[in-house]
């Protein structure tokens, strides 16, 4: 009887503990005690069977009821334990999900940091490249300015060289024309030149024919008959050299009259008056009068006293 009373007391105490709040905390302990409780219950059943003959019916019913109550409590404890395990599994799953999200977030942050560092590095490289390109452009600009300056100097030198070349070519052409004119005049006048009656010279880029006044004019200012050959030769040369012009210089007080006679004679032989020039004769100032501005004096090398000069120019 004392054994049965002790078992009933332990079952009642276990049930009271399960009924209290926080029973889940001791549920595992109860589960651990369950086998021993079952063993005690089986022992009680055996003892009850052995002593059934001597135990009153009421005590048997009480023990049976207590066993059923303990069994129901154990079942409720097991149900609550399963519910707690399910809640624990759900909490563990949520924790795993949160840990996975945290890991993904950390990975995303790490990737963002890496991308940011790559972007910063690329920006620094781009900045360095831009600075390098600026330096290259500045150097190219300096070279272009230097080349432009050299080009301008070369163009200036080229222009000067071309002008010099043009002048040389012009001088060469003029020299060649003067040489041909001299040759043709010498050939046309022939005997007059070799005899010394007429002299041919080149002075100041012009071909000058000089002959004494007595060879051209008589005492009355008319042309002498023997001068026709000279006039014909001069006319042929002027016809051959269409780019040449003639300038007459006749000395003496009646120079204008004699110049007009000579121009008329050349015109009669086909020389246009526009190709013959006669500079004005200088007038001597009166005694005591202030000198007036006179035409420019002829260079000394083109003046021979007492000689008629025919000066040929080539354009």
C-alpha atoms as a PDB file:
ATOM      1  CA  UNK A   1       0.000   0.000   0.000  1.00  0.00           C
ATOM      2  CA  UNK A   2       2.784   2.341   0.783  1.00  0.00           C
ATOM      3  CA  UNK A   3       4.382   1.559  -2.607  1.00  0.00           C
ATOM      4  CA  UNK A   4       1.150   2.344  -4.469  1.00  0.00           C
ATOM      5  CA  UNK A   5       0.729   5.552  -2.511  1.00  0.00           C
ATOM      6  CA  UNK A   6       4.304   6.618  -3.430  1.00  0.00           C
ATOM      7  CA  UNK A   7       3.689   5.957  -7.150  1.00  0.00           C
ATOM      8  CA  UNK A   8       0.444   7.891  -7.106  1.00  0.00           C
ATOM      9  CA  UNK A   9       2.220  10.791  -5.441  1.00  0.00           C
ATOM     10  CA  UNK A  10       4.952  10.890  -8.126  1.00  0.00           C
ATOM     11  CA  UNK A  11       2.390  10.759 -10.927  1.00  0.00           C
ATOM     12  CA  UNK A  12       0.392  13.590  -9.356  1.00  0.00           C
ATOM     13  CA  UNK A  13       3.529  15.655  -8.959  1.00  0.00           C
ATOM     14  CA  UNK A  14       4.526  15.065 -12.634  1.00  0.00           C
ATOM     15  CA  UNK A  15       1.044  16.019 -13.814  1.00  0.00           C
ATOM     16  CA  UNK A  16       1.074  19.160 -11.681  1.00  0.00           C
ATOM     17  CA  UNK A  17       4.415  20.084 -13.179  1.00  0.00           C
ATOM     18  CA  UNK A  18       3.082  19.626 -16.737  1.00  0.00           C
ATOM     19  CA  UNK A  19       0.033  21.727 -15.946  1.00  0.00           C
ATOM     20  CA  UNK A  20       2.126  24.666 -14.789  1.00  0.00           C
ATOM     21  CA  UNK A  21       3.284  27.402 -17.208  1.00  0.00           C
ATOM     22  CA  UNK A  22       6.628  26.672 -18.792  1.00  0.00           C
ATOM     23  CA  UNK A  23       5.973  22.953 -18.801  1.00  0.00           C
ATOM     24  CA  UNK A  24       7.675  22.717 -22.176  1.00  0.00           C
ATOM     25  CA  UNK A  25      10.968  23.515 -20.520  1.00  0.00           C
ATOM     26  CA  UNK A  26      10.775  20.375 -18.463  1.00  0.00           C
ATOM     27  CA  UNK A  27       9.089  18.320 -21.142  1.00  0.00           C
ATOM     28  CA  UNK A  28      12.332  16.759 -22.213  1.00  0.00           C
ATOM     29  CA  UNK A  29      12.956  15.814 -18.620  1.00  0.00           C
ATOM     30  CA  UNK A  30       9.534  14.260 -18.478  1.00  0.00           C
ATOM     31  CA  UNK A  31      10.229  12.347 -21.667  1.00  0.00           C
ATOM     32  CA  UNK A  32      13.430  11.066 -20.081  1.00  0.00           C
ATOM     33  CA  UNK A  33      11.444   9.921 -17.037  1.00  0.00           C
ATOM     34  CA  UNK A  34       8.700   8.345 -19.140  1.00  0.00           C
ATOM     35  CA  UNK A  35      10.371   4.911 -19.494  1.00  0.00           C
ATOM     36  CA  UNK A  36      10.908   4.690 -15.773  1.00  0.00           C
ATOM     37  CA  UNK A  37       7.301   5.779 -15.189  1.00  0.00           C
ATOM     38  CA  UNK A  38       6.113   3.077 -17.551  1.00  0.00           C
ATOM     39  CA  UNK A  39       8.265   0.587 -15.707  1.00  0.00           C
ATOM     40  CA  UNK A  40       6.725   1.742 -12.425  1.00  0.00           C
ATOM     41  CA  UNK A  41       3.246   1.479 -13.913  1.00  0.00           C
ATOM     42  CA  UNK A  42       3.983  -2.028 -15.141  1.00  0.00           C
ATOM     43  CA  UNK A  43       5.340  -2.866 -11.726  1.00  0.00           C
ATOM     44  CA  UNK A  44       2.197  -1.433 -10.203  1.00  0.00           C
ATOM     45  CA  UNK A  45       0.114  -3.537 -12.535  1.00  0.00           C
ATOM     46  CA  UNK A  46       2.023  -6.664 -11.609  1.00  0.00           C
ATOM     47  CA  UNK A  47       1.837  -5.854  -7.961  1.00  0.00           C
ATOM     48  CA  UNK A  48      -1.813  -5.030  -8.385  1.00  0.00           C
ATOM     49  CA  UNK A  49      -2.293  -8.375 -10.089  1.00  0.00           C
ATOM     50  CA  UNK A  50      -0.463 -10.119  -7.356  1.00  0.00           C
ATOM     51  CA  UNK A  51      -2.254  -8.360  -4.632  1.00  0.00           C
ATOM     52  CA  UNK A  52      -5.578  -8.055  -6.355  1.00  0.00           C
ATOM     53  CA  UNK A  53      -6.929 -10.637  -4.209  1.00  0.00           C
ATOM     54  CA  UNK A  54      -6.079  -8.635  -1.180  1.00  0.00           C
ATOM     55  CA  UNK A  55      -6.589  -5.028  -2.550  1.00  0.00           C
ATOM     56  CA  UNK A  56     -10.037  -3.582  -2.325  1.00  0.00           C
ATOM     57  CA  UNK A  57     -11.860  -2.754  -5.537  1.00  0.00           C
ATOM     58  CA  UNK A  58     -11.910   0.941  -4.791  1.00  0.00           C
ATOM     59  CA  UNK A  59      -8.168   1.131  -4.509  1.00  0.00           C
ATOM     60  CA  UNK A  60      -7.809  -0.729  -7.787  1.00  0.00           C
ATOM     61  CA  UNK A  61     -10.060   1.703  -9.544  1.00  0.00           C
ATOM     62  CA  UNK A  62      -8.162   4.608  -8.095  1.00  0.00           C
ATOM     63  CA  UNK A  63      -4.877   3.178  -9.297  1.00  0.00           C
ATOM     64  CA  UNK A  64      -6.350   2.517 -12.703  1.00  0.00           C
ATOM     65  CA  UNK A  65      -7.726   6.033 -12.950  1.00  0.00           C
ATOM     66  CA  UNK A  66      -4.397   7.449 -11.871  1.00  0.00           C
ATOM     67  CA  UNK A  67      -2.635   5.385 -14.546  1.00  0.00           C
ATOM     68  CA  UNK A  68      -5.061   6.596 -17.212  1.00  0.00           C
ATOM     69  CA  UNK A  69      -4.597  10.189 -16.083  1.00  0.00           C
ATOM     70  CA  UNK A  70      -0.836   9.762 -16.181  1.00  0.00           C
ATOM     71  CA  UNK A  71      -1.078   8.219 -19.675  1.00  0.00           C
ATOM     72  CA  UNK A  72      -3.235  11.107 -20.916  1.00  0.00           C
ATOM     73  CA  UNK A  73      -0.793  13.602 -19.416  1.00  0.00           C
ATOM     74  CA  UNK A  74       2.104  11.851 -21.071  1.00  0.00           C
ATOM     75  CA  UNK A  75       0.269  11.957 -24.414  1.00  0.00           C
ATOM     76  CA  UNK A  76      -0.415  15.678 -23.983  1.00  0.00           C
ATOM     77  CA  UNK A  77       3.250  16.212 -23.053  1.00  0.00           C
ATOM     78  CA  UNK A  78       4.342  14.341 -26.150  1.00  0.00           C
ATOM     79  CA  UNK A  79       1.971  16.450 -28.290  1.00  0.00           C
ATOM     80  CA  UNK A  80       3.298  19.638 -26.764  1.00  0.00           C
ATOM     81  CA  UNK A  81       6.853  18.358 -27.307  1.00  0.00           C
ATOM     82  CA  UNK A  82       6.127  17.700 -30.990  1.00  0.00           C
ATOM     83  CA  UNK A  83       4.613  21.179 -31.303  1.00  0.00           C
ATOM     84  CA  UNK A  84       7.685  22.669 -29.647  1.00  0.00           C
ATOM     85  CA  UNK A  85       9.923  20.702 -31.989  1.00  0.00           C
ATOM     86  CA  UNK A  86       7.917  21.953 -34.979  1.00  0.00           C
ATOM     87  CA  UNK A  87       8.219  25.548 -33.731  1.00  0.00           C
ATOM     88  CA  UNK A  88      11.919  24.993 -33.182  1.00  0.00           C
ATOM     89  CA  UNK A  89      12.263  23.618 -36.754  1.00  0.00           C
ATOM     90  CA  UNK A  90      10.362  26.639 -38.128  1.00  0.00           C
ATOM     91  CA  UNK A  91      12.537  29.008 -36.099  1.00  0.00           C
ATOM     92  CA  UNK A  92      15.633  27.184 -37.315  1.00  0.00           C
ATOM     93  CA  UNK A  93      14.394  27.426 -40.938  1.00  0.00           C
ATOM     94  CA  UNK A  94      13.715  31.143 -40.531  1.00  0.00           C
ATOM     95  CA  UNK A  95      17.129  31.592 -38.962  1.00  0.00           C
ATOM     96  CA  UNK A  96      18.727  29.735 -41.874  1.00  0.00           C
ATOM     97  CA  UNK A  97      16.805  31.882 -44.346  1.00  0.00           C
ATOM     98  CA  UNK A  98      17.910  35.036 -42.559  1.00  0.00           C
ATOM     99  CA  UNK A  99      21.485  33.791 -42.471  1.00  0.00           C
ATOM    100  CA  UNK A 100      21.279  33.027 -46.208  1.00  0.00           C
ATOM    101  CA  UNK A 101      19.853  36.499 -46.926  1.00  0.00           C
ATOM    102  CA  UNK A 102      22.564  38.015 -44.734  1.00  0.00           C
ATOM    103  CA  UNK A 103      25.175  36.032 -46.628  1.00  0.00           C
ATOM    104  CA  UNK A 104      23.709  37.150 -49.936  1.00  0.00           C
ATOM    105  CA  UNK A 105      23.617  40.740 -48.692  1.00  0.00           C
ATOM    106  CA  UNK A 106      27.240  40.527 -47.571  1.00  0.00           C
ATOM    107  CA  UNK A 107      28.187  39.035 -50.948  1.00  0.00           C
ATOM    108  CA  UNK A 108      26.296  41.809 -52.739  1.00  0.00           C
ATOM    109  CA  UNK A 109      28.030  44.424 -50.591  1.00  0.00           C
ATOM    110  CA  UNK A 110      31.368  42.772 -51.298  1.00  0.00           C
ATOM    111  CA  UNK A 111      30.637  42.741 -55.042  1.00  0.00           C
ATOM    112  CA  UNK A 112      29.546  46.395 -54.850  1.00  0.00           C
ATOM    113  CA  UNK A 113      32.772  47.283 -53.055  1.00  0.00           C
ATOM    114  CA  UNK A 114      34.769  45.379 -55.687  1.00  0.00           C
ATOM    115  CA  UNK A 115      32.896  47.071 -58.525  1.00  0.00           C
ATOM    116  CA  UNK A 116      33.412  50.422 -56.841  1.00  0.00           C
ATOM    117  CA  UNK A 117      37.132  49.782 -56.485  1.00  0.00           C
ATOM    118  CA  UNK A 118      37.299  48.691 -60.139  1.00  0.00           C
ATOM    119  CA  UNK A 119      35.402  51.816 -61.171  1.00  0.00           C
ATOM    120  CA  UNK A 120      37.738  54.008 -59.117  1.00  0.00           C
ATOM    121  CA  UNK A 121      40.746  52.291 -60.661  1.00  0.00           C
ATOM    122  CA  UNK A 122      39.326  52.711 -64.181  1.00  0.00           C
ATOM    123  CA  UNK A 123      38.569  56.363 -63.410  1.00  0.00           C
ATOM    124  CA  UNK A 124      42.139  56.912 -62.222  1.00  0.00           C
ATOM    125  CA  UNK A 125      43.463  55.175 -65.332  1.00  0.00           C
ATOM    126  CA  UNK A 126      41.153  57.265 -67.556  1.00  0.00           C
ATOM    127  CA  UNK A 127      42.291  60.443 -65.762  1.00  0.00           C
ATOM    128  CA  UNK A 128      45.920  59.488 -66.303  1.00  0.00           C
ATOM    129  CA  UNK A 129      45.226  58.753 -69.966  1.00  0.00           C
ATOM    130  CA  UNK A 130      43.449  62.098 -70.382  1.00  0.00           C
ATOM    131  CA  UNK A 131      46.396  63.902 -68.798  1.00  0.00           C
ATOM    132  CA  UNK A 132      48.756  62.005 -71.096  1.00  0.00           C
ATOM    133  CA  UNK A 133      46.647  62.879 -74.137  1.00  0.00           C
ATOM    134  CA  UNK A 134      46.591  66.526 -73.069  1.00  0.00           C
ATOM    135  CA  UNK A 135      50.367  66.475 -72.871  1.00  0.00           C
ATOM    136  CA  UNK A 136      50.556  64.849 -76.291  1.00  0.00           C
ATOM    137  CA  UNK A 137      48.148  67.410 -77.744  1.00  0.00           C
ATOM    138  CA  UNK A 138      50.139  70.270 -76.219  1.00  0.00           C
ATOM    139  CA  UNK A 139      53.335  68.841 -77.688  1.00  0.00           C
ATOM    140  CA  UNK A 140      51.638  68.351 -81.064  1.00  0.00           C
ATOM    141  CA  UNK A 141      50.320  71.928 -80.887  1.00  0.00           C
ATOM    142  CA  UNK A 142      53.828  73.227 -80.227  1.00  0.00           C
ATOM    143  CA  UNK A 143      55.151  71.171 -83.134  1.00  0.00           C
ATOM    144  CA  UNK A 144      52.379  72.445 -85.412  1.00  0.00           C
ATOM    145  CA  UNK A 145      53.114  76.040 -84.438  1.00  0.00           C
ATOM    146  CA  UNK A 146      56.796  75.439 -85.076  1.00  0.00           C
ATOM    147  CA  UNK A 147      55.999  73.806 -88.416  1.00  0.00           C
ATOM    148  CA  UNK A 148      53.671  76.685 -89.309  1.00  0.00           C
ATOM    149  CA  UNK A 149      56.413  79.177 -88.508  1.00  0.00           C
ATOM    150  CA  UNK A 150      58.928  77.205 -90.542  1.00  0.00           C
ATOM    151  CA  UNK A 151      56.396  76.920 -93.362  1.00  0.00           C
ATOM    152  CA  UNK A 152      55.822  80.678 -93.331  1.00  0.00           C
ATOM    153  CA  UNK A 153      59.582  81.267 -93.429  1.00  0.00           C
ATOM    154  CA  UNK A 154      59.987  78.729 -96.217  1.00  0.00           C
ATOM    155  CA  UNK A 155      57.122  80.284 -98.161  1.00  0.00           C
ATOM    156  CA  UNK A 156      58.705  83.692 -97.699  1.00  0.00           C
ATOM    157  CA  UNK A 157      62.055  82.333 -98.871  1.00  0.00           C
ATOM    158  CA  UNK A 158      60.318  80.567-101.754  1.00  0.00           C
ATOM    159  CA  UNK A 159      58.554  83.788-102.776  1.00  0.00           C
ATOM    160  CA  UNK A 160      61.851  85.654-102.634  1.00  0.00           C
ATOM    161  CA  UNK A 161      63.523  82.887-104.641  1.00  0.00           C
ATOM    162  CA  UNK A 162      60.705  82.917-107.180  1.00  0.00           C
ATOM    163  CA  UNK A 163      60.934  86.691-107.470  1.00  0.00           C
ATOM    164  CA  UNK A 164      64.674  86.421-107.852  1.00  0.00           C
ATOM    165  CA  UNK A 165      64.186  83.682-110.421  1.00  0.00           C
ATOM    166  CA  UNK A 166      61.657  85.814-112.278  1.00  0.00           C
ATOM    167  CA  UNK A 167      64.059  88.758-112.214  1.00  0.00           C
ATOM    168  CA  UNK A 168      66.906  86.561-113.415  1.00  0.00           C
ATOM    169  CA  UNK A 169      64.733  85.092-116.126  1.00  0.00           C
ATOM    170  CA  UNK A 170      63.594  88.581-117.087  1.00  0.00           C
ATOM    171  CA  UNK A 171      67.177  89.849-117.049  1.00  0.00           C
ATOM    172  CA  UNK A 172      68.273  86.799-118.992  1.00  0.00           C
ATOM    173  CA  UNK A 173      65.516  87.330-121.531  1.00  0.00           C
ATOM    174  CA  UNK A 174      66.370  91.016-121.698  1.00  0.00           C
ATOM    175  CA  UNK A 175      70.064  90.175-122.102  1.00  0.00           C
ATOM    176  CA  UNK A 176      69.252  87.711-124.847  1.00  0.00           C
ATOM    177  CA  UNK A 177      66.999  90.281-126.569  1.00  0.00           C
ATOM    178  CA  UNK A 178      69.725  92.953-126.280  1.00  0.00           C
ATOM    179  CA  UNK A 179      72.297  90.520-127.668  1.00  0.00           C
ATOM    180  CA  UNK A 180      70.052  89.642-130.619  1.00  0.00           C
ATOM    181  CA  UNK A 181      69.274  93.292-131.264  1.00  0.00           C
ATOM    182  CA  UNK A 182      72.966  94.148-131.146  1.00  0.00           C
ATOM    183  CA  UNK A 183      73.757  91.270-133.471  1.00  0.00           C
ATOM    184  CA  UNK A 184      71.058  92.275-135.965  1.00  0.00           C
ATOM    185  CA  UNK A 185      72.027  95.956-135.915  1.00  0.00           C
ATOM    186  CA  UNK A 186      75.691  95.042-136.394  1.00  0.00           C
ATOM    187  CA  UNK A 187      74.793  92.736-139.265  1.00  0.00           C
ATOM    188  CA  UNK A 188      72.451  95.268-140.877  1.00  0.00           C
ATOM    189  CA  UNK A 189      74.859  98.187-140.684  1.00  0.00           C
ATOM    190  CA  UNK A 190      77.810  96.007-141.698  1.00  0.00           C
ATOM    191  CA  UNK A 191      80.321  98.195-143.540  1.00  0.00           C
ATOM    192  CA  UNK A 192      79.313 101.315-141.605  1.00  0.00           C
ATOM    193  CA  UNK A 193      80.328  99.605-138.358  1.00  0.00           C
ATOM    194  CA  UNK A 194      83.521  98.076-139.655  1.00  0.00           C
ATOM    195  CA  UNK A 195      84.554 101.390-141.240  1.00  0.00           C
ATOM    196  CA  UNK A 196      84.005 103.224-137.966  1.00  0.00           C
ATOM    197  CA  UNK A 197      81.372 105.610-139.317  1.00  0.00           C
ATOM    198  CA  UNK A 198      78.791 104.125-136.922  1.00  0.00           C
ATOM    199  CA  UNK A 199      79.527 102.702-133.480  1.00  0.00           C
ATOM    200  CA  UNK A 200      77.268 100.255-131.635  1.00  0.00           C
ATOM    201  CA  UNK A 201      77.454  99.903-127.864  1.00  0.00           C
ATOM    202  CA  UNK A 202      75.320  98.559-124.982  1.00  0.00           C
ATOM    203  CA  UNK A 203      74.813 101.082-122.186  1.00  0.00           C
ATOM    204  CA  UNK A 204      72.346 100.889-119.297  1.00  0.00           C
ATOM    205  CA  UNK A 205      70.473  97.948-120.814  1.00  0.00           C
ATOM    206  CA  UNK A 206      70.013  99.738-124.180  1.00  0.00           C
ATOM    207  CA  UNK A 207      71.692  99.388-127.546  1.00  0.00           C
ATOM    208  CA  UNK A 208      73.063 102.763-128.641  1.00  0.00           C
ATOM    209  CA  UNK A 209      74.049 103.662-132.212  1.00  0.00           C
ATOM    210  CA  UNK A 210      76.252 106.755-132.409  1.00  0.00           C
ATOM    211  CA  UNK A 211      77.317 108.585-135.545  1.00  0.00           C
ATOM    212  CA  UNK A 212      78.667 112.133-136.138  1.00  0.00           C
ATOM    213  CA  UNK A 213      76.095 114.776-137.000  1.00  0.00           C
ATOM    214  CA  UNK A 214      77.861 115.460-140.336  1.00  0.00           C
ATOM    215  CA  UNK A 215      77.061 111.877-141.385  1.00  0.00           C
ATOM    216  CA  UNK A 216      73.344 112.510-141.014  1.00  0.00           C
ATOM    217  CA  UNK A 217      72.710 116.156-141.895  1.00  0.00           C
ATOM    218  CA  UNK A 218      74.141 118.788-144.207  1.00  0.00           C
ATOM    219  CA  UNK A 219      74.681 122.368-143.221  1.00  0.00           C
ATOM    220  CA  UNK A 220      71.022 123.222-143.917  1.00  0.00           C
ATOM    221  CA  UNK A 221      69.700 120.528-141.622  1.00  0.00           C
ATOM    222  CA  UNK A 222      68.548 118.169-144.408  1.00  0.00           C
ATOM    223  CA  UNK A 223      69.421 114.474-144.475  1.00  0.00           C
ATOM    224  CA  UNK A 224      72.391 113.531-146.608  1.00  0.00           C
ATOM    225  CA  UNK A 225      71.800 111.216-149.524  1.00  0.00           C
ATOM    226  CA  UNK A 226      74.272 108.579-148.318  1.00  0.00           C
ATOM    227  CA  UNK A 227      72.366 107.991-145.073  1.00  0.00           C
ATOM    228  CA  UNK A 228      69.524 106.100-146.771  1.00  0.00           C
ATOM    229  CA  UNK A 229      71.217 102.749-146.256  1.00  0.00           C
ATOM    230  CA  UNK A 230      71.550 103.385-142.506  1.00  0.00           C
ATOM    231  CA  UNK A 231      67.887 104.364-142.236  1.00  0.00           C
ATOM    232  CA  UNK A 232      66.805 101.289-144.210  1.00  0.00           C
ATOM    233  CA  UNK A 233      68.883  99.022-141.934  1.00  0.00           C
ATOM    234  CA  UNK A 234      67.379 100.589-138.803  1.00  0.00           C
ATOM    235  CA  UNK A 235      63.880 100.160-140.256  1.00  0.00           C
ATOM    236  CA  UNK A 236      64.480  96.464-140.999  1.00  0.00           C
ATOM    237  CA  UNK A 237      65.765  95.802-137.487  1.00  0.00           C
ATOM    238  CA  UNK A 238      62.775  97.576-135.869  1.00  0.00           C
ATOM    239  CA  UNK A 239      60.411  95.574-138.063  1.00  0.00           C
ATOM    240  CA  UNK A 240      62.144  92.365-136.986  1.00  0.00           C
ATOM    241  CA  UNK A 241      62.178  93.267-133.266  1.00  0.00           C
ATOM    242  CA  UNK A 242      58.581  94.270-132.638  1.00  0.00           C
ATOM    243  CA  UNK A 243      59.111  94.625-128.862  1.00  0.00           C
ATOM    244  CA  UNK A 244      61.816  97.276-129.213  1.00  0.00           C
ATOM    245  CA  UNK A 245      61.511 101.086-129.309  1.00  0.00           C
ATOM    246  CA  UNK A 246      63.776 103.863-130.531  1.00  0.00           C
ATOM    247  CA  UNK A 247      64.804 107.102-128.864  1.00  0.00           C
ATOM    248  CA  UNK A 248      66.525 109.904-130.821  1.00  0.00           C
ATOM    249  CA  UNK A 249      68.984 112.412-129.476  1.00  0.00           C
ATOM    250  CA  UNK A 250      70.167 115.069-131.889  1.00  0.00           C
ATOM    251  CA  UNK A 251      72.638 117.722-130.667  1.00  0.00           C
ATOM    252  CA  UNK A 252      72.782 121.364-131.703  1.00  0.00           C
ATOM    253  CA  UNK A 253      70.572 124.449-131.488  1.00  0.00           C
ATOM    254  CA  UNK A 254      68.231 123.157-134.216  1.00  0.00           C
ATOM    255  CA  UNK A 255      67.906 119.714-132.625  1.00  0.00           C
ATOM    256  CA  UNK A 256      64.111 119.749-132.690  1.00  0.00           C
ATOM    257  CA  UNK A 257      64.015 120.488-136.444  1.00  0.00           C
ATOM    258  CA  UNK A 258      66.575 117.809-137.277  1.00  0.00           C
ATOM    259  CA  UNK A 259      64.854 115.282-134.973  1.00  0.00           C
ATOM    260  CA  UNK A 260      61.567 115.867-136.802  1.00  0.00           C
ATOM    261  CA  UNK A 261      63.296 115.317-140.159  1.00  0.00           C
ATOM    262  CA  UNK A 262      64.807 112.055-138.921  1.00  0.00           C
ATOM    263  CA  UNK A 263      61.482 110.824-137.488  1.00  0.00           C
ATOM    264  CA  UNK A 264      59.749 111.617-140.761  1.00  0.00           C
ATOM    265  CA  UNK A 265      62.380 109.706-142.714  1.00  0.00           C
ATOM    266  CA  UNK A 266      61.990 106.638-140.507  1.00  0.00           C
ATOM    267  CA  UNK A 267      58.198 106.881-140.767  1.00  0.00           C
ATOM    268  CA  UNK A 268      58.485 106.899-144.552  1.00  0.00           C
ATOM    269  CA  UNK A 269      60.317 103.581-144.233  1.00  0.00           C
ATOM    270  CA  UNK A 270      57.547 101.932-142.157  1.00  0.00           C
ATOM    271  CA  UNK A 271      58.536 102.784-138.580  1.00  0.00           C
ATOM    272  CA  UNK A 272      55.520 103.969-136.591  1.00  0.00           C
ATOM    273  CA  UNK A 273      55.902 107.308-134.862  1.00  0.00           C
ATOM    274  CA  UNK A 274      54.658 105.689-131.601  1.00  0.00           C
ATOM    275  CA  UNK A 275      57.838 103.611-131.490  1.00  0.00           C
ATOM    276  CA  UNK A 276      60.104 106.682-131.778  1.00  0.00           C
ATOM    277  CA  UNK A 277      60.715 108.900-128.798  1.00  0.00           C
ATOM    278  CA  UNK A 278      62.347 112.329-128.838  1.00  0.00           C
ATOM    279  CA  UNK A 279      63.166 113.764-125.415  1.00  0.00           C
ATOM    280  CA  UNK A 280      62.789 117.556-125.084  1.00  0.00           C
ATOM    281  CA  UNK A 281      65.870 119.636-125.638  1.00  0.00           C
ATOM    282  CA  UNK A 282      67.050 121.395-122.457  1.00  0.00           C
ATOM    283  CA  UNK A 283      66.761 125.221-122.688  1.00  0.00           C
ATOM    284  CA  UNK A 284      69.659 127.257-121.279  1.00  0.00           C
ATOM    285  CA  UNK A 285      68.464 129.762-118.640  1.00  0.00           C
ATOM    286  CA  UNK A 286      68.795 133.482-119.341  1.00  0.00           C
ATOM    287  CA  UNK A 287      71.635 135.367-117.728  1.00  0.00           C
ATOM    288  CA  UNK A 288      70.660 136.458-114.227  1.00  0.00           C
ATOM    289  CA  UNK A 289      67.473 134.370-114.192  1.00  0.00           C
ATOM    290  CA  UNK A 290      66.836 131.832-111.493  1.00  0.00           C
ATOM    291  CA  UNK A 291      67.281 128.302-112.759  1.00  0.00           C
ATOM    292  CA  UNK A 292      64.027 126.459-113.364  1.00  0.00           C
ATOM    293  CA  UNK A 293      63.452 122.823-112.921  1.00  0.00           C
ATOM    294  CA  UNK A 294      64.630 121.152-116.078  1.00  0.00           C
ATOM    295  CA  UNK A 295      64.224 117.602-117.328  1.00  0.00           C
ATOM    296  CA  UNK A 296      66.545 115.139-115.748  1.00  0.00           C
ATOM    297  CA  UNK A 297      70.004 115.287-117.291  1.00  0.00           C
ATOM    298  CA  UNK A 298      70.987 112.387-119.481  1.00  0.00           C
ATOM    299  CA  UNK A 299      73.584 110.043-118.023  1.00  0.00           C
ATOM    300  CA  UNK A 300      77.063 111.044-119.182  1.00  0.00           C
ATOM    301  CA  UNK A 301      77.741 107.680-120.764  1.00  0.00           C
ATOM    302  CA  UNK A 302      74.856 108.181-123.232  1.00  0.00           C
ATOM    303  CA  UNK A 303      75.987 111.619-124.380  1.00  0.00           C
ATOM    304  CA  UNK A 304      78.641 112.246-127.012  1.00  0.00           C
ATOM    305  CA  UNK A 305      79.056 115.860-128.141  1.00  0.00           C
ATOM    306  CA  UNK A 306      78.428 116.348-131.866  1.00  0.00           C
ATOM    307  CA  UNK A 307      76.948 112.853-132.340  1.00  0.00           C
ATOM    308  CA  UNK A 308      73.470 111.691-133.198  1.00  0.00           C
ATOM    309  CA  UNK A 309      72.439 108.818-130.982  1.00  0.00           C
ATOM    310  CA  UNK A 310      69.751 106.256-131.632  1.00  0.00           C
ATOM    311  CA  UNK A 311      68.998 104.372-128.387  1.00  0.00           C
ATOM    312  CA  UNK A 312      67.129 101.048-128.751  1.00  0.00           C
ATOM    313  CA  UNK A 313      65.236  99.622-125.757  1.00  0.00           C
ATOM    314  CA  UNK A 314      63.730  96.169-125.342  1.00  0.00           C
ATOM    315  CA  UNK A 315      60.578  95.675-123.280  1.00  0.00           C
END
